[in-house]
Amino acid sequence: MRVLAIDYGQKRVGLAISDRLGITAQPYKTIINESREELIEELAEIIKKNDITEVVIGLPLHMNGTEGERAEKSRILATELEDALNISVFLQDERLSSAEVEKVMLAGDLSRAKRRAKRDKLAASIILRTYLANRKGGN
């Protein structure tokens, strides 16, 4: 069982994939988000190529737990993926994942350009790690 995590952004979409046992999360790639149709096509190819059995999309909630426009867009993408690809899609609270990624990258002394190139797929890996831990009953 492999899980694909998506950090869905207006310009870039970060992806991470679990190992076959659903234990670890590895950053996979970043996709430039040019259109919803192209994004779904590319995700379909990735899902097929990597034997993905479920998808988790980061749900960008406000710090007080309420949803805004970005959360609604993530919910729409989840529904579209379920319908188009006949796959289970879950939403995972992604609050603070971007801040955690920035902290790690700054500690690693990465340049601004390198941080920009890695930010989205690292955020997806944090979303996936959190989802896998919650599913297993972890913290």
Foldseek 3Di string as FASTA:
>chain_A
DKEWEWADDPFKIWIWMAPPVLQAIDTDAMDGPPDLVVVLVVVLVVCVVVVHQEYEYEQEADPVRHHDDSNVVRVVSQVVNCVPPVHHYHYAHLPCLLVVLVVVVVVVVDDPVVCVRCRNSSSRRVRSNVVSQVVVVHD
